[in-house]
Amino acid sequence: MKRAFVLNLVFLLTINLIVKPLYLFGVDRGIQNLANTAEYGLYFELFNFTFLFQILNDFGIQYYNNRHIAQHPYLLGKYFPYLLGAKFLLAGLFLSAILVFGALAGYLAEFPWLLAPIAGIQILVSLISYLRSNISGLGWYFTDSFLSVLDRLILLLGLGIPLWTGMLAGRSPVQFLVFGQLISLAITAMVALWLLKTRTGGIRLRWNPQLNRVIFKNSYPYAITVILMTIYTRLDAVMIGRMLPNGQEEAGWYAGAYRLLDAANKIGVLFAGLLLPMFSKLYKDKKGLNELSDLGIRMLWSGVLCVSPALIAFRTPIMDALYVNTSEQSGAILGWLMLSFIPMSGGYIFGTLLIAAGHQKKLNRLYLLGVFINVVLNLILIPPYRAAGAALATFLTQGMVFSGLLILCQSWEGFSISRRAGWRFIVLGILSWLSASYLRTVFPDWGWISLGLAVLIGFAGVFLFQVIQLREVSAWLSNNRLFSDRRGI
C-alpha cells in the first residue's frame, strides 16, 4: 500500500505541479491583472459566498461514498444510479438556497450575471468530486489523477490563448473566466461519466426515497464536516467584503495572496484525496494506518517546510512581481497565509485519517470550535488590520485546529508525530527560513534565483536531517509496477 501511495503520488504531483501552476499564474493571475482589483475581488467574494452552501450541494456524499466504495467496490453498480439521482436533487436545493440568500444579501439584485454562473460552477465541481470518489474508491488512481487536471488543461487552451494574444483586451475578463470554467467543468464531468459507464452498466438516474433517507442518514456527519471546514476557511473573504468600506478592493488584494495559498493547498488536497480510500481500506489495520500516516506527513511536510518559509521571506517582492495592483499590506497578507499553510497541510493528513476511521463526531466538534474562533478573530482583527487581519485570523485558526487533530489522533490510535520527527521538522523549517532570509538580504537583486536556491537548500536539508532517507526512496522506486490501475484509462 505504501508503494502504491508513493508511486501514484509521484504521478499525481507531477501532472498537477505542471498544469495547475500554469493555470493559476498564467491564466487566473492574468485575468486578475487585466481586470481591476475590485472586479476580481467581487468574483472572489461571490465564489466564497456560494462555497458556504456546499453542504446542500453534496451533503457529505463524496466522503461517505469514497470510504464506502473503497471498502465495498462491488456495490458501485447498485448504488451509483441512486446516488447520482440524489446529487441532482441536492443541486436543485443548493441553487435555490443561493438564489434566496443571494437576494437577501443583495448579490442577486446587483450581480445576477455573476452569481448564477458561479453557483453553476459549484454544482459541477461537486458532481465531479462525487464521480471521482467512485473512481478513486475503485483504486483507479491514475485515472483520478488525469481527471484532477482535465478542466485546467481545457482552460489553459480555451482562455490562455485569447488572454496571451490580447483578444480579451477591452472585454470583461472575469465573465470569460466564469463561463470558461463552466464549459471546462461540464466537459470533465462528461468524461468522468463516460469512464464510469462500463463499470456501472450505464448512466441512469433512479429515485428511491427510502434508500435516500438511509444514505443521507449515513452521510450527514460528513456533510457537517464539509460545511464546518468550509466556513472557517472561506468566510474570511465574505467578511472582508461586507465589513470594510472598500471591501471588494481589499478582497481583491486578499485574493491575490490567497491564490498562492490555494496553489500550495492543492498539494494537500491531492494527498487527502489519494489517502482517503487507502486509509479506508486499512482502517482495521492499526499498524498499516500508522505507517501510511507517518509516510504521508513526512512526504507532505518535506515540501511544505522547504517552500513555505522561502515564500514568507520573499513575500513582498513576490506580490510586487506577480500583480499590477498591490497594497502596502500585500506582503503581510501572503506571509500570514503561507504560515497558516503549515498547520493546514498537516490537517489534511490527520483529518483524513479520522474521516476514514469514522470519527466524525469528534472531528465535527473540533471544527465547530474552529468556526467560532475564526469568526471571533475576524470580527476583532479585520476592522483595524483589514485584509491582513483576516490572514492572521486564518493562521491562528489553522494552528488551533491542527493541534486539536493531533490530540484526537493520539487519543484514538496512539498515533502522533514523534519527538524525534518533530525536532527534525522544526530544524528543517528553521534552515529554510534562515537560508531564504540570508539570500533575500545579501543578494536582493537575484530575485527568483535567490528564492529557488533557498528552496533547494531546504530540500537538501530533508535528506541531511533524515526527514526522508535515501534508502526509503530507493525502496519506493524499486517496484516495477508504476500505477495500480493500468487498465484505468
Protein backbone atom coordinates (compact mmCIF):
# COMPACT_ATOMS: atom_id res chain seq x y z
CA MET A 1 0.00 0.00 0.00
CA LYS A 2 2.86 2.41 0.78
CA ARG A 3 4.47 1.78 -2.60
CA ALA A 4 1.15 2.25 -4.37
CA PHE A 5 0.71 5.52 -2.48
CA VAL A 6 4.18 6.85 -3.29
CA LEU A 7 4.27 5.89 -6.96
CA ASN A 8 0.77 7.13 -7.72
CA LEU A 9 1.51 10.26 -5.72
CA VAL A 10 4.60 10.94 -7.85
CA PHE A 11 2.47 10.86 -10.99
CA LEU A 12 -0.34 12.86 -9.37
CA LEU A 13 2.01 15.58 -8.13
CA THR A 14 3.93 15.73 -11.40
CA ILE A 15 0.94 16.47 -13.61
CA ASN A 16 -0.62 18.80 -11.03
CA LEU A 17 2.60 20.74 -10.47
CA ILE A 18 2.83 21.28 -14.22
CA VAL A 19 -0.77 22.03 -15.14
CA LYS A 20 -2.27 23.83 -12.13
CA PRO A 21 0.52 26.39 -11.58
CA LEU A 22 0.40 27.16 -15.32
CA TYR A 23 -3.32 27.83 -14.97
CA LEU A 24 -3.15 29.75 -11.69
CA PHE A 25 -0.29 32.04 -12.66
CA GLY A 26 -0.64 32.03 -16.44
CA VAL A 27 -4.42 32.37 -16.74
CA ASP A 28 -6.06 33.18 -13.40
CA ARG A 29 -3.42 35.75 -12.41
CA GLY A 30 -3.53 37.20 -15.93
CA ILE A 31 -7.29 37.63 -15.65
CA GLN A 32 -6.90 39.45 -12.30
CA ASN A 33 -4.22 41.76 -13.69
CA LEU A 34 -6.36 42.50 -16.75
CA ALA A 35 -9.42 43.22 -14.60
CA ASN A 36 -9.42 45.89 -11.91
CA THR A 37 -8.85 44.82 -8.31
CA ALA A 38 -12.45 45.48 -7.21
CA GLU A 39 -13.94 43.45 -10.08
CA TYR A 40 -11.82 40.40 -9.31
CA GLY A 41 -12.41 40.93 -5.59
CA LEU A 42 -16.17 40.75 -6.25
CA TYR A 43 -15.70 37.45 -8.11
CA PHE A 44 -13.61 36.09 -5.21
CA GLU A 45 -16.19 37.25 -2.67
CA LEU A 46 -19.11 35.68 -4.57
CA PHE A 47 -17.19 32.46 -5.12
CA ASN A 48 -16.59 32.12 -1.38
CA PHE A 49 -20.20 33.09 -0.62
CA THR A 50 -21.55 30.26 -2.79
CA PHE A 51 -18.99 27.90 -1.27
CA LEU A 52 -20.60 28.41 2.14
CA PHE A 53 -23.68 26.48 0.93
CA GLN A 54 -21.80 23.42 -0.31
CA ILE A 55 -23.45 21.32 2.41
CA LEU A 56 -26.64 21.41 0.30
CA ASN A 57 -24.70 20.60 -2.85
CA ASP A 58 -23.02 17.48 -1.52
CA PHE A 59 -24.36 16.59 1.95
CA GLY A 60 -21.24 14.55 2.67
CA ILE A 61 -21.91 12.08 -0.15
CA GLN A 62 -18.40 12.40 -1.57
CA TYR A 63 -16.59 11.43 1.66
CA TYR A 64 -19.15 8.76 2.52
CA ASN A 65 -19.02 7.27 -0.98
CA ASN A 66 -15.23 7.31 -1.22
CA ARG A 67 -14.89 5.43 2.07
CA HIS A 68 -17.81 3.08 1.30
CA ILE A 69 -16.72 2.15 -2.25
CA ALA A 70 -13.08 1.69 -1.17
CA GLN A 71 -14.27 -0.94 1.33
CA HIS A 72 -17.02 -2.47 -0.87
CA PRO A 73 -16.22 -1.76 -4.57
CA TYR A 74 -18.71 -4.41 -5.75
CA LEU A 75 -21.58 -2.14 -4.56
CA LEU A 76 -20.79 0.63 -7.06
CA GLY A 77 -23.21 -0.59 -9.76
CA LYS A 78 -26.02 -0.97 -7.23
CA TYR A 79 -25.80 2.43 -5.53
CA PHE A 80 -24.48 4.66 -8.33
CA PRO A 81 -27.85 5.43 -10.06
CA TYR A 82 -29.49 6.33 -6.75
CA LEU A 83 -26.61 8.48 -5.52
CA LEU A 84 -26.44 10.24 -8.88
CA GLY A 85 -30.16 10.97 -8.64
CA ALA A 86 -29.65 12.29 -5.12
CA LYS A 87 -26.84 14.55 -6.38
CA PHE A 88 -29.18 16.19 -8.91
CA LEU A 89 -31.79 16.71 -6.19
CA LEU A 90 -29.19 18.33 -3.93
CA ALA A 91 -28.02 20.54 -6.80
CA GLY A 92 -31.55 21.91 -7.10
CA LEU A 93 -31.69 22.64 -3.36
CA PHE A 94 -28.27 24.30 -3.49
CA LEU A 95 -29.25 26.56 -6.39
CA SER A 96 -32.49 27.54 -4.64
CA ALA A 97 -30.59 28.45 -1.47
CA ILE A 98 -28.08 30.54 -3.44
CA LEU A 99 -30.87 32.49 -5.10
CA VAL A 100 -32.74 33.08 -1.82
CA PHE A 101 -29.77 34.06 0.34
CA GLY A 102 -28.13 35.88 -2.57
CA ALA A 103 -31.26 38.02 -2.82
CA LEU A 104 -31.22 38.69 0.94
CA ALA A 105 -27.55 39.68 0.83
CA GLY A 106 -28.14 41.96 -2.17
CA TYR A 107 -25.91 39.95 -4.52
CA LEU A 108 -28.72 38.73 -6.77
CA ALA A 109 -30.09 42.20 -7.49
CA GLU A 110 -26.67 43.76 -8.10
CA PHE A 111 -24.72 40.94 -9.75
CA PRO A 112 -27.08 38.29 -11.22
CA TRP A 113 -24.80 37.89 -14.27
CA LEU A 114 -22.06 36.63 -11.95
CA LEU A 115 -23.85 34.92 -9.05
CA ALA A 116 -25.85 32.34 -11.05
CA PRO A 117 -22.92 31.10 -13.22
CA ILE A 118 -20.68 30.81 -10.15
CA ALA A 119 -23.39 28.69 -8.50
CA GLY A 120 -23.32 26.51 -11.63
CA ILE A 121 -19.55 26.13 -11.25
CA GLN A 122 -20.00 24.89 -7.68
CA ILE A 123 -22.62 22.35 -8.81
CA LEU A 124 -20.27 20.93 -11.45
CA VAL A 125 -17.30 20.88 -9.05
CA SER A 126 -19.37 18.90 -6.56
CA LEU A 127 -20.59 16.48 -9.24
CA ILE A 128 -17.05 15.85 -10.48
CA SER A 129 -15.84 15.29 -6.91
CA TYR A 130 -18.55 12.65 -6.44
CA LEU A 131 -17.69 10.95 -9.74
CA ARG A 132 -14.00 10.97 -8.86
CA SER A 133 -14.77 9.48 -5.44
CA ASN A 134 -16.13 6.42 -7.26
CA ILE A 135 -13.06 6.23 -9.48
CA SER A 136 -10.57 6.54 -6.60
CA GLY A 137 -12.68 4.18 -4.48
CA LEU A 138 -12.22 1.57 -7.20
CA GLY A 139 -8.46 2.05 -6.98
CA TRP A 140 -8.19 3.77 -10.37
CA TYR A 141 -5.69 6.32 -9.04
CA PHE A 142 -4.09 7.04 -12.42
CA THR A 143 -7.49 7.82 -13.93
CA ASP A 144 -8.40 10.01 -10.96
CA SER A 145 -5.12 11.91 -11.39
CA PHE A 146 -5.94 12.58 -15.04
CA LEU A 147 -9.39 13.92 -14.15
CA SER A 148 -7.92 16.17 -11.45
CA VAL A 149 -6.28 18.36 -14.10
CA LEU A 150 -8.53 17.93 -17.14
CA ASP A 151 -10.60 21.09 -16.59
CA ARG A 152 -7.45 23.16 -16.09
CA LEU A 153 -5.95 21.76 -19.30
CA ILE A 154 -9.06 22.85 -21.18
CA LEU A 155 -8.93 26.31 -19.61
CA LEU A 156 -5.25 26.71 -20.47
CA LEU A 157 -6.14 26.34 -24.13
CA GLY A 158 -9.57 27.96 -24.12
CA LEU A 159 -8.66 31.02 -22.05
CA GLY A 160 -4.88 31.08 -22.12
CA ILE A 161 -4.55 31.62 -25.86
CA PRO A 162 -7.07 34.53 -26.04
CA LEU A 163 -5.51 36.08 -22.91
CA TRP A 164 -1.91 35.85 -24.09
CA THR A 165 -2.71 37.07 -27.61
CA GLY A 166 -4.57 40.15 -26.36
CA MET A 167 -8.00 39.04 -27.61
CA LEU A 168 -9.58 39.82 -24.21
CA ALA A 169 -8.49 43.46 -24.23
CA GLY A 170 -11.49 45.76 -23.78
CA ARG A 171 -13.75 42.90 -22.69
CA SER A 172 -14.86 41.70 -19.24
CA PRO A 173 -12.13 39.18 -18.32
CA VAL A 174 -13.97 37.94 -15.22
CA GLN A 175 -17.01 36.93 -17.32
CA PHE A 176 -14.73 34.99 -19.68
CA LEU A 177 -13.17 33.26 -16.65
CA VAL A 178 -16.55 32.27 -15.20
CA PHE A 179 -18.05 30.91 -18.41
CA GLY A 180 -14.77 29.24 -19.35
CA GLN A 181 -14.86 27.39 -16.04
CA LEU A 182 -18.45 26.30 -16.68
CA ILE A 183 -17.57 24.81 -20.06
CA SER A 184 -14.37 23.07 -18.93
CA LEU A 185 -16.06 21.54 -15.88
CA ALA A 186 -19.00 20.32 -17.97
CA ILE A 187 -16.60 18.53 -20.33
CA THR A 188 -14.74 16.98 -17.38
CA ALA A 189 -17.99 15.73 -15.86
CA MET A 190 -18.99 14.10 -19.16
CA VAL A 191 -15.61 12.36 -19.41
CA ALA A 192 -15.92 11.04 -15.84
CA LEU A 193 -19.43 9.74 -16.55
CA TRP A 194 -18.20 8.01 -19.69
CA LEU A 195 -15.37 6.32 -17.75
CA LEU A 196 -17.80 5.02 -15.13
CA LYS A 197 -20.35 3.85 -17.67
CA THR A 198 -18.68 0.47 -18.28
CA ARG A 199 -18.39 -0.30 -14.56
CA THR A 200 -21.92 0.76 -13.62
CA GLY A 201 -23.75 -0.80 -16.58
CA GLY A 202 -24.83 2.57 -17.95
CA ILE A 203 -25.65 6.04 -16.63
CA ARG A 204 -29.14 6.16 -15.13
CA LEU A 205 -30.93 8.32 -12.59
CA ARG A 206 -33.08 6.48 -10.08
CA TRP A 207 -35.13 7.69 -7.14
CA ASN A 208 -35.73 5.66 -4.00
CA PRO A 209 -36.87 7.85 -1.08
CA GLN A 210 -36.24 5.11 1.46
CA LEU A 211 -32.72 4.44 0.20
CA ASN A 212 -32.01 8.17 0.00
CA ARG A 213 -33.02 8.55 3.64
CA VAL A 214 -30.59 5.80 4.61
CA ILE A 215 -27.80 7.38 2.54
CA PHE A 216 -28.42 10.87 3.94
CA LYS A 217 -28.55 9.46 7.47
CA ASN A 218 -25.13 7.87 6.96
CA SER A 219 -23.62 10.81 5.10
CA TYR A 220 -24.84 13.73 7.24
CA PRO A 221 -21.83 13.58 9.64
CA TYR A 222 -19.60 14.04 6.59
CA ALA A 223 -21.85 16.90 5.47
CA ILE A 224 -21.34 18.64 8.80
CA THR A 225 -17.59 18.15 8.42
CA VAL A 226 -17.66 19.75 4.97
CA ILE A 227 -19.71 22.78 5.98
CA LEU A 228 -17.65 23.47 9.10
CA MET A 229 -14.38 23.25 7.18
CA THR A 230 -15.87 25.49 4.50
CA ILE A 231 -16.96 28.15 6.96
CA TYR A 232 -13.66 28.57 8.77
CA THR A 233 -11.64 28.54 5.52
CA ARG A 234 -13.93 30.56 3.23
CA LEU A 235 -15.81 33.03 5.43
CA ASP A 236 -12.91 35.48 5.61
CA ALA A 237 -13.35 36.82 2.06
CA VAL A 238 -17.08 37.40 2.62
CA MET A 239 -16.42 39.18 5.92
CA ILE A 240 -13.77 41.39 4.31
CA GLY A 241 -16.22 42.37 1.57
CA ARG A 242 -19.07 43.10 4.00
CA MET A 243 -17.15 44.74 6.89
CA LEU A 244 -14.84 47.23 5.16
CA PRO A 245 -15.80 50.40 3.22
CA ASN A 246 -13.56 49.36 0.31
CA GLY A 247 -14.34 45.71 0.91
CA GLN A 248 -14.23 44.49 -2.69
CA GLU A 249 -10.85 46.11 -3.27
CA GLU A 250 -9.49 44.60 -0.04
CA ALA A 251 -10.95 41.23 -1.08
CA GLY A 252 -9.08 41.58 -4.39
CA TRP A 253 -5.75 42.09 -2.62
CA TYR A 254 -6.56 39.19 -0.32
CA ALA A 255 -7.44 37.04 -3.35
CA GLY A 256 -4.03 37.76 -4.90
CA ALA A 257 -2.21 36.36 -1.86
CA TYR A 258 -4.77 33.60 -1.37
CA ARG A 259 -4.02 32.36 -4.89
CA LEU A 260 -0.55 31.29 -3.72
CA LEU A 261 -2.05 29.56 -0.69
CA ASP A 262 -4.61 27.93 -2.95
CA ALA A 263 -1.86 26.73 -5.30
CA ALA A 264 0.07 25.24 -2.38
CA ASN A 265 -3.13 23.90 -0.88
CA LYS A 266 -3.79 21.79 -3.98
CA ILE A 267 -0.94 19.55 -2.84
CA GLY A 268 -2.62 18.88 0.49
CA VAL A 269 -5.94 18.21 -1.26
CA LEU A 270 -4.21 15.73 -3.58
CA PHE A 271 -2.64 13.93 -0.61
CA ALA A 272 -6.01 13.74 1.14
CA GLY A 273 -7.82 12.53 -1.98
CA LEU A 274 -5.29 9.75 -2.54
CA LEU A 275 -5.03 8.78 1.13
CA LEU A 276 -8.75 8.59 1.96
CA PRO A 277 -9.52 5.38 0.02
CA MET A 278 -6.21 3.87 1.17
CA PHE A 279 -6.88 4.74 4.81
CA SER A 280 -10.39 3.34 4.42
CA LYS A 281 -9.05 0.01 3.18
CA LEU A 282 -6.58 -0.15 6.06
CA TYR A 283 -8.86 1.16 8.81
CA LYS A 284 -8.78 -2.14 10.73
CA ASP A 285 -5.00 -2.45 10.40
CA LYS A 286 -3.64 -0.07 13.04
CA LYS A 287 -0.03 -0.73 12.13
CA GLY A 288 -0.70 -0.09 8.45
CA LEU A 289 -2.57 3.13 9.24
CA ASN A 290 0.24 4.43 11.42
CA GLU A 291 2.90 3.61 8.83
CA LEU A 292 0.96 5.24 5.98
CA SER A 293 0.10 8.30 8.10
CA ASP A 294 3.74 8.71 9.11
CA LEU A 295 4.83 8.43 5.49
CA GLY A 296 2.18 10.92 4.36
CA ILE A 297 3.11 13.63 6.88
CA ARG A 298 6.84 13.23 6.23
CA MET A 299 6.41 13.49 2.47
CA LEU A 300 3.99 16.41 2.66
CA TRP A 301 5.93 18.45 5.20
CA SER A 302 9.22 17.78 3.41
CA GLY A 303 7.86 20.02 0.68
CA VAL A 304 5.85 22.41 2.83
CA LEU A 305 8.74 23.24 5.19
CA CYS A 306 11.01 23.97 2.23
CA VAL A 307 8.62 26.14 0.25
CA SER A 308 6.56 27.99 2.89
CA PRO A 309 9.44 29.67 4.77
CA ALA A 310 11.01 30.73 1.46
CA LEU A 311 7.76 32.32 0.26
CA ILE A 312 7.36 34.07 3.60
CA ALA A 313 10.87 35.54 3.39
CA PHE A 314 10.27 36.80 -0.17
CA ARG A 315 6.61 37.75 0.42
CA THR A 316 6.70 41.42 -0.65
CA PRO A 317 8.82 41.08 -3.83
CA ILE A 318 6.70 38.08 -4.87
CA MET A 319 3.48 40.06 -4.65
CA ASP A 320 5.01 43.07 -6.43
CA ALA A 321 6.29 40.83 -9.23
CA LEU A 322 3.04 38.92 -9.73
CA TYR A 323 0.43 41.69 -9.65
CA VAL A 324 -0.08 45.06 -11.25
CA ASN A 325 -2.15 46.43 -8.34
CA THR A 326 -0.93 45.71 -4.80
CA SER A 327 -1.28 47.42 -1.43
CA GLU A 328 1.19 48.06 1.35
CA GLN A 329 -0.37 45.07 3.13
CA SER A 330 0.02 42.56 0.29
CA GLY A 331 3.28 41.14 1.62
CA ALA A 332 1.89 40.79 5.14
CA ILE A 333 -1.22 39.03 3.84
CA LEU A 334 0.88 36.50 1.93
CA GLY A 335 3.19 35.97 4.91
CA TRP A 336 0.37 35.05 7.30
CA LEU A 337 -1.40 32.88 4.73
CA MET A 338 1.73 30.90 3.87
CA LEU A 339 2.48 30.46 7.57
CA SER A 340 -1.03 29.06 8.00
CA PHE A 341 -0.32 26.54 5.23
CA ILE A 342 1.99 24.58 7.54
CA PRO A 343 -0.71 23.52 10.06
CA MET A 344 -3.34 23.42 7.29
CA SER A 345 -1.35 20.87 5.29
CA GLY A 346 -0.84 18.67 8.34
CA GLY A 347 -4.57 18.81 8.92
CA TYR A 348 -5.15 17.13 5.56
CA ILE A 349 -3.29 14.04 6.75
CA PHE A 350 -4.75 13.69 10.23
CA GLY A 351 -8.23 14.92 9.32
CA THR A 352 -8.39 12.37 6.51
CA LEU A 353 -7.24 9.65 8.91
CA LEU A 354 -10.06 10.46 11.32
CA ILE A 355 -12.63 10.59 8.49
CA ALA A 356 -11.52 7.18 7.19
CA ALA A 357 -11.82 5.73 10.70
CA GLY A 358 -15.35 7.11 11.11
CA HIS A 359 -14.62 9.56 13.95
CA GLN A 360 -16.87 12.30 12.54
CA LYS A 361 -18.44 13.40 15.83
CA LYS A 362 -15.12 14.23 17.48
CA LEU A 363 -13.88 15.83 14.28
CA ASN A 364 -17.01 17.95 13.91
CA ARG A 365 -16.82 19.23 17.47
CA LEU A 366 -13.26 20.37 16.79
CA TYR A 367 -14.24 22.05 13.51
CA LEU A 368 -17.19 23.78 15.21
CA LEU A 369 -14.75 25.25 17.71
CA GLY A 370 -12.61 26.33 14.73
CA VAL A 371 -15.58 28.15 13.19
CA PHE A 372 -16.30 30.00 16.43
CA ILE A 373 -12.66 31.06 16.89
CA ASN A 374 -12.33 32.13 13.25
CA VAL A 375 -15.47 34.30 13.31
CA VAL A 376 -14.46 35.96 16.58
CA LEU A 377 -10.91 36.60 15.36
CA ASN A 378 -12.14 38.06 12.07
CA LEU A 379 -14.54 40.37 13.89
CA ILE A 380 -11.68 41.55 16.10
CA LEU A 381 -8.86 41.74 13.54
CA ILE A 382 -10.46 42.85 10.25
CA PRO A 383 -11.56 46.39 11.30
CA PRO A 384 -8.11 47.56 12.47
CA TYR A 385 -5.86 45.43 10.23
CA ARG A 386 -8.15 44.92 7.21
CA ALA A 387 -7.26 42.01 4.93
CA ALA A 388 -4.03 41.32 6.81
CA GLY A 389 -6.15 40.82 9.93
CA ALA A 390 -8.17 38.13 8.15
CA ALA A 391 -4.92 36.40 7.14
CA LEU A 392 -3.71 36.46 10.74
CA ALA A 393 -7.06 35.03 11.87
CA THR A 394 -6.62 32.21 9.34
CA PHE A 395 -3.20 31.32 10.75
CA LEU A 396 -4.39 31.30 14.38
CA THR A 397 -7.46 29.20 13.49
CA GLN A 398 -5.48 26.66 11.46
CA GLY A 399 -2.90 26.30 14.22
CA MET A 400 -5.61 25.58 16.78
CA VAL A 401 -7.39 23.06 14.55
CA PHE A 402 -4.18 21.19 13.74
CA SER A 403 -3.28 20.96 17.44
CA GLY A 404 -6.73 19.50 18.10
CA LEU A 405 -6.31 16.95 15.30
CA LEU A 406 -3.03 15.76 16.77
CA ILE A 407 -4.67 15.32 20.16
CA LEU A 408 -7.58 13.37 18.64
CA CYS A 409 -5.26 11.05 16.70
CA GLN A 410 -3.17 10.46 19.81
CA SER A 411 -6.19 9.62 21.96
CA TRP A 412 -7.81 7.36 19.33
CA GLU A 413 -4.96 5.44 17.75
CA GLY A 414 -1.94 6.31 19.83
CA PHE A 415 -0.50 7.94 16.70
CA SER A 416 1.14 11.32 16.74
CA ILE A 417 4.27 13.00 15.45
CA SER A 418 7.20 11.57 17.41
CA ARG A 419 9.51 13.93 19.27
CA ARG A 420 12.42 13.00 17.02
CA ALA A 421 10.39 13.69 13.88
CA GLY A 422 9.02 16.87 15.45
CA TRP A 423 12.50 18.23 16.10
CA ARG A 424 13.57 17.33 12.57
CA PHE A 425 10.62 19.25 11.18
CA ILE A 426 11.48 22.27 13.34
CA VAL A 427 15.16 22.23 12.32
CA LEU A 428 14.19 21.88 8.65
CA GLY A 429 11.81 24.84 8.89
CA ILE A 430 14.45 26.98 10.61
CA LEU A 431 17.06 26.07 7.98
CA SER A 432 14.68 27.01 5.17
CA TRP A 433 13.78 30.31 6.82
CA LEU A 434 17.38 31.32 7.64
CA SER A 435 18.70 30.44 4.18
CA ALA A 436 15.86 32.33 2.47
CA SER A 437 16.28 35.38 4.74
CA TYR A 438 20.04 35.41 4.16
CA LEU A 439 19.72 35.19 0.38
CA ARG A 440 16.97 37.83 0.38
CA THR A 441 19.19 40.25 2.37
CA VAL A 442 22.60 39.59 0.83
CA PHE A 443 21.54 39.12 -2.80
CA PRO A 444 18.40 41.28 -3.22
CA ASP A 445 18.96 41.69 -6.97
CA TRP A 446 18.92 37.95 -7.64
CA GLY A 447 15.16 37.78 -7.08
CA TRP A 448 13.72 34.49 -8.30
CA ILE A 449 17.17 32.87 -8.38
CA SER A 450 17.61 33.52 -4.65
CA LEU A 451 14.15 32.12 -3.96
CA GLY A 452 14.93 28.97 -5.97
CA LEU A 453 18.25 28.50 -4.16
CA ALA A 454 16.51 28.84 -0.80
CA VAL A 455 14.03 26.10 -1.73
CA LEU A 456 16.85 23.84 -2.97
CA ILE A 457 18.76 24.30 0.30
CA GLY A 458 15.61 23.29 2.15
CA PHE A 459 15.25 20.13 0.07
CA ALA A 460 18.88 19.26 0.79
CA GLY A 461 18.01 19.57 4.47
CA VAL A 462 15.23 16.98 4.03
CA PHE A 463 17.88 14.31 3.45
CA LEU A 464 20.55 15.89 5.67
CA PHE A 465 18.26 15.75 8.72
CA GLN A 466 16.79 12.40 7.58
CA VAL A 467 13.20 13.56 7.38
CA ILE A 468 13.19 11.22 4.40
CA GLN A 469 16.05 8.76 3.98
CA LEU A 470 17.66 7.88 0.67
CA ARG A 471 17.19 4.15 1.24
CA GLU A 472 13.43 4.76 1.53
CA VAL A 473 13.40 6.47 -1.85
CA SER A 474 15.34 3.56 -3.35
CA ALA A 475 12.84 1.08 -1.90
CA TRP A 476 9.86 3.03 -3.26
CA LEU A 477 11.32 3.18 -6.75
CA SER A 478 12.33 -0.49 -6.82
CA ASN A 479 8.74 -1.54 -7.53
CA ASN A 480 8.26 -2.41 -11.21
CA ARG A 481 4.56 -1.54 -11.20
CA LEU A 482 4.24 2.19 -11.62
CA PHE A 483 0.46 2.56 -11.35
CA SER A 484 -2.04 0.42 -9.51
CA ASP A 485 -4.68 0.78 -12.23
CA ARG A 486 -3.07 0.42 -15.65
CA ARG A 487 -6.43 -0.57 -17.01
CA GLY A 488 -7.99 2.58 -15.52
CA ILE A 489 -7.85 4.67 -18.65
